[in-house]
């Protein structure tokens, strides 16, 4: 058995505990993070979030923001499939796969938070920015990463500003702007712009679908974060 095959086998073996830790850890962190992380600054929890926190305060140990079943198995399986792809078809070593899975882990928490509660916790955006440093040994350019961060945050800010002037109300939150700054830092300029375009297109199609099926009206606010994070996950795994 040559060294390449041995390295691949060891990498695949390492994926099993990493995937289990990723799935279980994500559910644990999301369900136990401070409730203030899921609210606007100085705001009190409302709606579904307030209901879960009230049940917890009342002694309901089974109250969860995101149910362990089936999501723990789904997320664990996703990490396993993503890792297998990178180690085999993607020809990536485990030392590259680990930081990418951590980035994916952070993006998933951000997507879930924004999808459920319309909030992108700043703490995870900061962690996401720090993870960009872990990709430097794999040929990432500091210059391209810096331009990516500026493009992501800058273009998203222009979109938010244009939306406000056209509609007279806030169309994007600052969380989306900060998220795209972090994504741009990780992916670089060209991929960041591509992520914004694709995510905006998918989000628009989803909004039109909701309008057509009367699940919302033209004044409804829909989170963009899950689409930005989802496309970014595909990008960092596949490219």
Foldseek 3Di string as FASTA:
>chain_A
DDPLVVQLVVLLVVLLVVLLCLLVVLQVCLFPPDVCLLDDPPDDDDDPSVVLVVCVVVPNPCRGPDHVPPRSVVSSVVSSVLSNCCVPVVVDGNLLSVLLSVLLSLLVSQLSSCQRRVGRGVVSLVVLLVSLVSCVVVPDDQVQLQLQLCCQLVVVVVVQVVVCVVPVDGQADNSSSSNSSSLRNNQGRPVSVVLVVQLVVVVVVVVVVCCVVVVDHPPDHGGSSNSSSVSSSCVSSVD
